[in-house]
N, C-alpha and C. Protein backbone atom coordinates (compact mmCIF):
# COMPACT_ATOMS: atom_id res chain seq x y z
N MET A 1 -16.75 -4.21 -8.64
CA MET A 1 -17.23 -4.08 -7.24
C MET A 1 -17.09 -5.23 -6.35
N ARG A 2 -17.40 -6.37 -7.18
CA ARG A 2 -17.51 -7.76 -6.64
C ARG A 2 -16.07 -8.06 -6.08
N ASN A 3 -15.11 -7.77 -6.78
CA ASN A 3 -13.67 -7.94 -6.46
C ASN A 3 -13.39 -7.12 -5.08
N ILE A 4 -13.82 -5.92 -4.93
CA ILE A 4 -13.48 -5.12 -3.79
C ILE A 4 -14.19 -5.66 -2.58
N ARG A 5 -15.42 -6.15 -2.72
CA ARG A 5 -16.06 -6.92 -1.64
C ARG A 5 -15.41 -8.19 -1.21
N LEU A 6 -14.78 -8.90 -2.17
CA LEU A 6 -14.05 -10.12 -1.87
C LEU A 6 -12.72 -9.63 -1.06
N LEU A 7 -12.09 -8.67 -1.52
CA LEU A 7 -10.92 -8.09 -0.72
C LEU A 7 -11.19 -7.60 0.71
N ILE A 8 -12.37 -7.08 0.94
CA ILE A 8 -12.67 -6.57 2.19
C ILE A 8 -13.04 -7.88 3.18
N CYS A 9 -13.76 -8.84 2.59
CA CYS A 9 -14.12 -10.00 3.21
C CYS A 9 -12.89 -10.68 3.60
N ALA A 10 -11.87 -10.90 2.67
CA ALA A 10 -10.59 -11.48 3.01
C ALA A 10 -9.77 -10.86 4.05
N ALA A 11 -9.74 -9.56 3.96
CA ALA A 11 -9.19 -8.65 5.24
C ALA A 11 -9.79 -8.89 6.55
N ALA A 12 -11.05 -9.06 6.54
CA ALA A 12 -11.93 -9.16 7.71
C ALA A 12 -11.68 -10.60 8.33
N VAL A 13 -11.52 -11.72 7.40
CA VAL A 13 -11.35 -12.93 8.04
C VAL A 13 -9.93 -13.06 8.52
N SER A 14 -8.89 -12.33 7.83
CA SER A 14 -7.55 -12.50 8.32
C SER A 14 -7.49 -11.79 9.59
N VAL A 15 -8.13 -10.67 10.00
CA VAL A 15 -8.21 -9.95 11.20
C VAL A 15 -8.87 -10.85 12.34
N MET A 16 -9.98 -11.45 11.95
CA MET A 16 -10.65 -12.23 12.98
C MET A 16 -9.93 -13.61 13.33
N THR A 17 -9.20 -14.05 12.38
CA THR A 17 -8.51 -15.44 12.69
C THR A 17 -7.18 -15.22 13.20
N ALA A 18 -6.67 -14.09 13.32
CA ALA A 18 -5.32 -13.93 13.83
C ALA A 18 -5.22 -14.24 15.34
N GLY A 19 -4.07 -14.55 15.66
CA GLY A 19 -3.68 -14.80 17.04
C GLY A 19 -3.63 -13.71 18.01
N SER A 20 -2.64 -13.01 18.19
CA SER A 20 -2.57 -11.86 19.07
C SER A 20 -2.05 -10.66 18.30
N VAL A 21 -2.50 -9.54 19.01
CA VAL A 21 -2.11 -8.27 18.25
C VAL A 21 -1.22 -7.62 19.02
N THR A 22 -0.33 -6.53 18.47
CA THR A 22 0.74 -5.70 19.09
C THR A 22 0.65 -4.36 18.60
N ALA A 23 1.39 -3.53 19.20
CA ALA A 23 1.54 -2.16 18.88
C ALA A 23 1.87 -2.02 17.35
N GLN A 24 1.32 -0.87 16.80
CA GLN A 24 1.38 -0.68 15.48
C GLN A 24 2.85 -0.26 14.84
N ASP A 25 3.75 -0.12 15.79
CA ASP A 25 5.07 0.07 15.25
C ASP A 25 6.05 -0.93 15.39
N GLN A 26 5.29 -2.23 15.48
CA GLN A 26 6.11 -3.37 15.47
C GLN A 26 5.28 -4.63 14.98
N GLY A 27 5.63 -5.62 14.51
CA GLY A 27 4.99 -6.73 14.05
C GLY A 27 4.52 -6.30 12.57
N ILE A 28 3.37 -7.13 12.17
CA ILE A 28 2.90 -7.16 10.81
C ILE A 28 1.44 -6.66 10.94
N GLY A 29 1.15 -5.91 10.02
CA GLY A 29 -0.23 -5.36 9.92
C GLY A 29 -0.78 -5.85 8.45
N ALA A 30 -2.17 -6.11 8.59
CA ALA A 30 -2.83 -6.54 7.35
C ALA A 30 -4.10 -5.58 7.21
N GLY A 31 -4.47 -5.19 6.01
CA GLY A 31 -5.58 -4.43 5.91
C GLY A 31 -6.01 -4.18 4.35
N ILE A 32 -6.64 -2.95 4.20
CA ILE A 32 -6.95 -2.70 2.87
C ILE A 32 -6.38 -1.32 2.39
N ILE A 33 -6.31 -1.07 1.12
CA ILE A 33 -5.94 0.09 0.57
C ILE A 33 -7.06 0.48 -0.47
N ILE A 34 -7.38 1.75 -0.39
CA ILE A 34 -8.49 2.15 -1.37
C ILE A 34 -8.01 3.47 -2.14
N GLY A 35 -8.17 3.35 -3.34
CA GLY A 35 -7.75 4.48 -4.35
C GLY A 35 -7.25 3.83 -5.57
N GLU A 36 -6.10 4.38 -5.90
CA GLU A 36 -5.32 3.80 -7.21
C GLU A 36 -4.09 3.44 -6.60
N PRO A 37 -3.83 2.20 -6.15
CA PRO A 37 -4.72 0.97 -6.46
C PRO A 37 -5.62 0.70 -5.28
N THR A 38 -6.62 -0.20 -5.57
CA THR A 38 -7.46 -0.69 -4.47
C THR A 38 -7.30 -2.18 -4.10
N GLY A 39 -7.05 -2.62 -2.96
CA GLY A 39 -6.98 -3.96 -2.69
C GLY A 39 -6.41 -4.42 -1.36
N LEU A 40 -5.48 -5.37 -1.07
CA LEU A 40 -4.92 -5.71 0.22
C LEU A 40 -3.64 -4.94 0.48
N SER A 41 -3.55 -4.45 1.78
CA SER A 41 -2.28 -3.94 2.06
C SER A 41 -1.60 -4.71 3.15
N ILE A 42 -0.36 -4.81 3.25
CA ILE A 42 0.58 -5.41 4.37
C ILE A 42 1.64 -4.48 4.81
N LYS A 43 2.05 -4.56 6.06
CA LYS A 43 3.18 -3.71 6.43
C LYS A 43 3.96 -4.50 7.56
N GLY A 44 5.19 -4.48 7.43
CA GLY A 44 5.90 -5.25 8.52
C GLY A 44 7.10 -4.31 8.87
N TRP A 45 7.04 -3.96 10.31
CA TRP A 45 8.05 -3.11 10.90
C TRP A 45 9.31 -3.79 11.00
N MET A 46 10.38 -3.24 10.49
CA MET A 46 11.91 -3.70 10.79
C MET A 46 12.49 -2.90 11.97
N SER A 47 12.05 -1.70 12.38
CA SER A 47 12.53 -1.15 13.45
C SER A 47 11.63 -0.02 13.84
N GLU A 48 11.88 0.78 14.81
CA GLU A 48 10.86 1.76 15.45
C GLU A 48 10.54 2.62 14.28
N ARG A 49 11.37 2.98 13.40
CA ARG A 49 11.13 3.85 12.18
C ARG A 49 11.24 3.38 10.86
N THR A 50 11.53 2.12 10.59
CA THR A 50 11.50 1.70 9.23
C THR A 50 10.52 0.55 9.05
N ALA A 51 10.13 0.33 7.88
CA ALA A 51 9.05 -0.76 7.62
C ALA A 51 9.21 -1.17 6.18
N LEU A 52 8.60 -2.36 6.08
CA LEU A 52 8.47 -2.78 4.60
C LEU A 52 6.89 -2.82 4.33
N ALA A 53 6.37 -2.23 3.22
CA ALA A 53 4.96 -2.17 3.04
C ALA A 53 4.75 -2.59 1.61
N GLY A 54 3.65 -3.20 1.29
CA GLY A 54 3.18 -3.68 0.03
C GLY A 54 1.74 -3.75 -0.21
N ALA A 55 1.31 -4.07 -1.40
CA ALA A 55 -0.13 -4.31 -1.69
C ALA A 55 -0.24 -5.15 -2.90
N VAL A 56 -1.26 -6.03 -2.93
CA VAL A 56 -1.72 -6.74 -4.03
C VAL A 56 -3.09 -6.04 -4.38
N ALA A 57 -3.18 -5.47 -5.51
CA ALA A 57 -4.47 -4.70 -5.74
C ALA A 57 -4.74 -4.64 -7.13
N TRP A 58 -5.91 -3.94 -7.32
CA TRP A 58 -6.43 -3.67 -8.65
C TRP A 58 -6.16 -2.10 -9.05
N ALA A 59 -5.55 -1.68 -10.20
CA ALA A 59 -5.50 -0.49 -10.66
C ALA A 59 -6.73 -0.25 -11.74
N PHE A 60 -7.17 0.95 -11.78
CA PHE A 60 -8.17 1.12 -12.76
C PHE A 60 -7.91 2.32 -13.73
N ASP A 61 -6.66 2.59 -13.94
CA ASP A 61 -6.34 3.65 -14.87
C ASP A 61 -5.33 3.14 -15.95
N PRO A 62 -5.69 3.12 -17.01
CA PRO A 62 -6.99 3.39 -17.78
C PRO A 62 -7.68 2.12 -17.95
N ASN A 63 -7.17 1.05 -17.66
CA ASN A 63 -7.90 -0.12 -17.83
C ASN A 63 -7.54 -0.95 -16.38
N THR A 64 -8.48 -1.93 -16.12
CA THR A 64 -8.31 -2.83 -14.99
C THR A 64 -6.99 -3.56 -14.99
N SER A 65 -6.30 -3.54 -13.95
CA SER A 65 -4.82 -4.35 -14.06
C SER A 65 -4.48 -4.71 -12.75
N LEU A 66 -3.95 -5.84 -12.70
CA LEU A 66 -3.34 -6.10 -11.39
C LEU A 66 -2.15 -5.41 -11.04
N HIS A 67 -2.10 -4.85 -9.90
CA HIS A 67 -0.92 -4.00 -9.40
C HIS A 67 -0.41 -4.71 -8.18
N ILE A 68 0.93 -4.95 -8.02
CA ILE A 68 1.61 -5.39 -7.03
C ILE A 68 2.80 -4.35 -6.80
N HIS A 69 3.02 -3.96 -5.44
CA HIS A 69 3.97 -2.97 -5.12
C HIS A 69 4.66 -3.41 -3.75
N GLY A 70 5.93 -3.12 -3.46
CA GLY A 70 6.69 -3.25 -2.36
C GLY A 70 7.41 -1.97 -2.05
N ASP A 71 7.40 -1.37 -0.88
CA ASP A 71 8.24 -0.27 -0.58
C ASP A 71 8.96 -0.41 0.69
N TYR A 72 10.10 0.23 0.87
CA TYR A 72 10.98 0.58 2.13
C TYR A 72 10.66 1.82 2.58
N LEU A 73 10.02 2.00 3.67
CA LEU A 73 9.52 3.28 4.27
C LEU A 73 10.40 3.67 5.47
N ILE A 74 10.53 5.06 5.53
CA ILE A 74 11.19 5.68 6.75
C ILE A 74 10.01 6.55 7.48
N HIS A 75 9.82 6.55 8.78
CA HIS A 75 8.86 7.22 9.54
C HIS A 75 9.56 8.17 10.30
N ASN A 76 9.08 9.67 10.15
CA ASN A 76 9.61 10.59 10.96
C ASN A 76 8.52 11.01 11.93
N TYR A 77 8.63 10.88 13.31
CA TYR A 77 7.59 11.22 14.33
C TYR A 77 7.72 12.62 14.74
N ASP A 78 8.67 13.24 14.38
CA ASP A 78 8.89 14.66 15.03
C ASP A 78 8.35 15.84 14.23
N LEU A 79 7.63 15.44 13.09
CA LEU A 79 7.11 16.68 12.32
C LEU A 79 5.83 17.15 12.81
N LEU A 80 4.97 16.19 13.20
CA LEU A 80 3.55 16.49 13.60
C LEU A 80 3.33 15.76 14.94
N ASN A 81 2.71 16.62 15.86
CA ASN A 81 2.21 16.04 17.08
C ASN A 81 0.81 16.06 17.23
N VAL A 82 0.20 14.88 17.78
CA VAL A 82 -1.22 14.87 18.10
C VAL A 82 -1.56 14.68 19.43
N ASP A 83 -2.70 14.82 19.91
CA ASP A 83 -3.01 14.61 21.40
C ASP A 83 -3.11 13.23 21.78
N ALA A 84 -3.50 12.26 20.81
CA ALA A 84 -3.56 10.89 21.21
C ALA A 84 -3.00 10.06 20.04
N GLY A 85 -2.25 9.12 20.18
CA GLY A 85 -1.57 8.32 19.22
C GLY A 85 -0.49 8.87 18.56
N THR A 86 0.00 8.51 17.54
CA THR A 86 1.14 9.32 16.91
C THR A 86 0.76 9.53 15.45
N LEU A 87 1.41 10.33 14.78
CA LEU A 87 1.14 10.69 13.39
C LEU A 87 2.31 11.01 12.52
N PRO A 88 3.08 9.84 12.32
CA PRO A 88 4.40 10.06 11.64
C PRO A 88 4.24 10.45 10.06
N VAL A 89 5.00 11.21 9.58
CA VAL A 89 5.11 11.36 8.12
C VAL A 89 6.20 10.45 7.63
N TYR A 90 5.89 9.65 6.52
CA TYR A 90 6.72 8.71 5.91
C TYR A 90 6.97 8.78 4.46
N TYR A 91 8.21 8.43 4.09
CA TYR A 91 8.72 8.48 2.72
C TYR A 91 9.60 7.24 2.44
N GLY A 92 9.55 6.78 1.28
CA GLY A 92 10.56 5.74 0.82
C GLY A 92 10.67 5.52 -0.50
N LEU A 93 11.00 4.28 -0.91
CA LEU A 93 11.37 3.83 -2.22
C LEU A 93 10.94 2.45 -2.32
N GLY A 94 10.48 2.21 -3.51
CA GLY A 94 9.77 0.86 -3.71
C GLY A 94 9.80 0.60 -5.28
N ALA A 95 9.16 -0.59 -5.53
CA ALA A 95 9.01 -1.00 -6.97
C ALA A 95 7.59 -1.52 -7.12
N ARG A 96 7.18 -1.49 -8.31
CA ARG A 96 5.75 -1.74 -8.74
C ARG A 96 5.80 -2.63 -10.16
N ILE A 97 4.78 -3.62 -10.20
CA ILE A 97 4.72 -4.10 -11.43
C ILE A 97 3.17 -4.17 -11.62
N LYS A 98 2.78 -4.14 -12.92
CA LYS A 98 1.38 -4.04 -13.13
C LYS A 98 0.90 -4.88 -14.48
N PHE A 99 0.09 -5.60 -14.37
CA PHE A 99 -0.35 -6.64 -15.48
C PHE A 99 -1.70 -6.21 -15.93
N ASP A 100 -1.76 -5.59 -17.04
CA ASP A 100 -3.00 -5.34 -17.73
C ASP A 100 -3.90 -6.44 -17.98
N ASP A 101 -5.29 -6.29 -17.73
CA ASP A 101 -6.14 -7.47 -17.88
C ASP A 101 -6.57 -7.56 -19.40
N LYS A 102 -6.64 -6.54 -20.14
CA LYS A 102 -6.93 -6.53 -21.47
C LYS A 102 -6.00 -6.37 -22.39
N GLU A 103 -6.07 -6.88 -23.76
CA GLU A 103 -5.18 -6.59 -24.72
C GLU A 103 -5.50 -5.13 -25.21
N HIS A 104 -4.44 -4.42 -25.69
CA HIS A 104 -4.58 -2.95 -26.08
C HIS A 104 -4.29 -2.98 -27.61
N PRO A 105 -5.33 -2.73 -28.39
CA PRO A 105 -5.20 -2.91 -30.02
C PRO A 105 -4.02 -1.93 -30.51
N ARG A 106 -3.92 -0.76 -29.84
CA ARG A 106 -2.86 0.12 -30.06
C ARG A 106 -1.47 0.09 -29.60
N ARG A 107 -1.49 -0.93 -28.73
CA ARG A 107 -0.04 -1.11 -28.02
C ARG A 107 0.61 -2.42 -28.45
N ASP A 108 1.73 -2.48 -28.24
CA ASP A 108 2.56 -3.79 -28.22
C ASP A 108 2.17 -4.64 -27.39
N ARG A 109 2.23 -5.92 -27.69
CA ARG A 109 1.72 -7.03 -26.58
C ARG A 109 2.47 -6.95 -25.29
N ASP A 110 3.79 -6.64 -25.48
CA ASP A 110 4.76 -6.50 -24.37
C ASP A 110 4.51 -5.33 -23.43
N ARG A 111 3.53 -4.47 -23.86
CA ARG A 111 3.23 -3.24 -23.02
C ARG A 111 2.22 -3.61 -21.88
N ARG A 112 1.72 -4.88 -21.97
CA ARG A 112 0.87 -5.31 -21.11
C ARG A 112 1.36 -5.49 -19.61
N THR A 113 2.61 -5.70 -19.52
CA THR A 113 3.33 -5.75 -18.25
C THR A 113 4.13 -4.62 -18.10
N ARG A 114 4.09 -3.76 -16.99
CA ARG A 114 4.94 -2.78 -16.67
C ARG A 114 5.56 -2.83 -15.44
N ALA A 115 6.83 -2.44 -15.35
CA ALA A 115 7.46 -2.33 -14.08
C ALA A 115 8.13 -1.17 -13.96
N GLY A 116 8.05 -0.62 -12.63
CA GLY A 116 8.64 0.63 -12.43
C GLY A 116 9.05 1.04 -10.87
N VAL A 117 9.43 2.08 -10.63
CA VAL A 117 9.89 2.58 -9.27
C VAL A 117 8.97 3.37 -8.68
N ARG A 118 8.70 3.30 -7.38
CA ARG A 118 7.76 4.02 -6.62
C ARG A 118 8.52 4.93 -5.68
N ILE A 119 7.92 6.01 -5.54
CA ILE A 119 8.40 7.00 -4.40
C ILE A 119 7.27 7.51 -3.63
N PRO A 120 6.89 6.57 -2.62
CA PRO A 120 5.83 7.06 -1.62
C PRO A 120 6.06 7.91 -0.69
N ALA A 121 5.06 8.75 -0.40
CA ALA A 121 5.22 9.59 0.78
C ALA A 121 3.71 9.76 1.35
N GLY A 122 3.67 9.73 2.67
CA GLY A 122 2.35 9.99 3.35
C GLY A 122 2.29 10.27 4.72
N LEU A 123 1.02 10.25 5.34
CA LEU A 123 0.81 10.32 6.81
C LEU A 123 0.23 8.82 7.20
N ASN A 124 0.74 8.61 8.41
CA ASN A 124 0.39 7.24 9.15
C ASN A 124 0.04 7.34 10.49
N TYR A 125 -1.43 7.58 10.79
CA TYR A 125 -1.86 7.61 12.10
C TYR A 125 -1.91 6.34 12.79
N HIS A 126 -1.19 6.23 13.98
CA HIS A 126 -1.09 5.16 14.87
C HIS A 126 -2.11 5.28 16.15
N PHE A 127 -3.06 4.69 16.09
CA PHE A 127 -3.99 4.71 17.30
C PHE A 127 -3.34 4.31 18.61
N GLU A 128 -3.75 5.02 19.75
CA GLU A 128 -3.19 5.03 21.08
C GLU A 128 -3.62 3.70 21.71
N ASP A 129 -4.63 3.20 21.54
CA ASP A 129 -5.25 2.08 22.44
C ASP A 129 -5.50 0.81 21.48
N ILE A 130 -5.50 0.90 20.30
CA ILE A 130 -5.75 -0.17 19.57
C ILE A 130 -4.67 -0.37 18.51
N PRO A 131 -4.36 -1.67 18.31
CA PRO A 131 -3.22 -2.03 17.40
C PRO A 131 -3.55 -1.83 15.91
N ALA A 132 -3.87 -0.56 15.41
CA ALA A 132 -4.35 -0.31 14.09
C ALA A 132 -3.93 0.94 13.57
N ASP A 133 -3.71 1.06 12.37
CA ASP A 133 -3.38 2.38 11.91
C ASP A 133 -4.14 2.67 10.62
N ILE A 134 -4.29 4.06 10.40
CA ILE A 134 -4.77 4.51 9.09
C ILE A 134 -3.82 5.33 8.26
N PHE A 135 -3.81 5.29 7.02
CA PHE A 135 -2.83 6.07 6.23
C PHE A 135 -3.44 6.80 5.05
N ILE A 136 -2.66 7.74 4.65
CA ILE A 136 -2.97 8.34 3.22
C ILE A 136 -1.54 8.56 2.64
N GLU A 137 -1.63 8.18 1.43
CA GLU A 137 -0.34 8.35 0.64
C GLU A 137 -0.45 8.71 -0.85
N ILE A 138 0.63 9.22 -1.40
CA ILE A 138 0.87 9.55 -2.76
C ILE A 138 2.20 9.07 -3.20
N ALA A 139 2.13 8.46 -4.39
CA ALA A 139 3.34 7.75 -4.96
C ALA A 139 3.53 7.96 -6.34
N PRO A 140 4.54 8.95 -6.73
CA PRO A 140 4.96 9.02 -8.13
C PRO A 140 5.51 7.73 -8.60
N ILE A 141 5.22 7.30 -9.81
CA ILE A 141 5.72 5.99 -10.27
C ILE A 141 6.55 6.34 -11.65
N PHE A 142 7.74 5.75 -11.86
CA PHE A 142 8.38 5.96 -12.97
C PHE A 142 8.61 4.50 -13.51
N ASP A 143 7.75 4.23 -14.49
CA ASP A 143 7.92 2.96 -15.21
C ASP A 143 9.23 2.95 -16.11
N ILE A 144 9.87 1.70 -16.10
CA ILE A 144 11.13 1.66 -16.67
C ILE A 144 11.15 0.44 -17.76
N ALA A 145 10.15 -0.21 -17.62
CA ALA A 145 9.94 -1.49 -18.68
C ALA A 145 8.54 -1.52 -18.97
N PRO A 146 8.14 -1.73 -20.16
CA PRO A 146 8.98 -1.92 -21.28
C PRO A 146 9.37 -0.53 -21.89
N LYS A 147 8.72 0.57 -21.43
CA LYS A 147 9.29 1.74 -21.84
C LYS A 147 9.09 2.67 -20.67
N THR A 148 9.81 3.86 -20.81
CA THR A 148 9.82 4.81 -19.63
C THR A 148 8.34 5.52 -19.75
N ASP A 149 7.70 5.86 -18.55
CA ASP A 149 6.42 6.45 -18.43
C ASP A 149 6.34 7.11 -16.97
N PHE A 150 5.49 7.83 -16.74
CA PHE A 150 5.31 8.55 -15.41
C PHE A 150 3.89 8.40 -15.08
N SER A 151 3.59 8.16 -13.78
CA SER A 151 2.27 7.97 -13.34
C SER A 151 2.15 8.36 -11.82
N LEU A 152 1.01 8.41 -11.29
CA LEU A 152 0.82 8.81 -10.03
C LEU A 152 -0.22 7.91 -9.36
N ASN A 153 0.05 7.29 -8.08
CA ASN A 153 -0.91 6.67 -7.34
C ASN A 153 -1.28 7.47 -6.00
N ALA A 154 -2.48 7.31 -5.74
CA ALA A 154 -2.90 8.07 -4.42
C ALA A 154 -3.85 7.06 -3.82
N ALA A 155 -3.79 6.96 -2.49
CA ALA A 155 -4.77 6.09 -1.77
C ALA A 155 -4.79 6.34 -0.31
N ILE A 156 -5.93 5.70 0.26
CA ILE A 156 -5.95 5.88 1.75
C ILE A 156 -6.09 4.26 2.21
N GLY A 157 -5.78 3.94 3.50
CA GLY A 157 -6.03 2.59 3.76
C GLY A 157 -5.98 2.39 5.31
N ALA A 158 -6.16 1.22 5.85
CA ALA A 158 -6.08 0.82 7.28
C ALA A 158 -5.61 -0.51 7.46
N ARG A 159 -4.96 -0.70 8.41
CA ARG A 159 -4.34 -2.07 8.84
C ARG A 159 -4.53 -2.34 10.33
N LEU A 160 -4.71 -3.69 10.71
CA LEU A 160 -4.81 -4.18 11.97
C LEU A 160 -3.40 -4.85 12.12
N PHE A 161 -2.69 -4.67 13.35
CA PHE A 161 -1.36 -5.29 13.51
C PHE A 161 -1.32 -6.32 14.48
N PHE A 162 -0.52 -7.55 14.15
CA PHE A 162 -0.37 -8.66 14.79
C PHE A 162 1.12 -8.96 15.16
N LYS A 163 1.26 -9.74 16.20
CA LYS A 163 2.86 -10.21 16.55
C LYS A 163 3.32 -11.03 15.46
């Protein structure tokens, strides 16, 4: 719980000390992601419909682990219409690396670090008058090293965008 509070404080400090803000479909956004994993989230827009997003976070299944991921995302604004703001559906492809905190007595020592492919999909609400977004996503993960495995991440989050 202490780690989560530190992450929230770090996100708040970065928001308060940033220079200027911009619309949420451009620039860089920083915030938090809560779920599996829980930590800091960042997103950088490459164009009006594409972005790079990532997180440095903690994963809690089955043991506490440092989780780092990065994704290339494509946003579709045409599927859902809302009265205010925008609500694109997004999908993409990325990578994940996970470092287990504890040794596992029944696992090989090299099992402590896992690398895999993420296939995220979600909804990303962009507020109309504030440079912020909220999102919900699900991401199947196919670990490819040190052995193949399948898992699933799901989380919600929020970011504030800057120039």
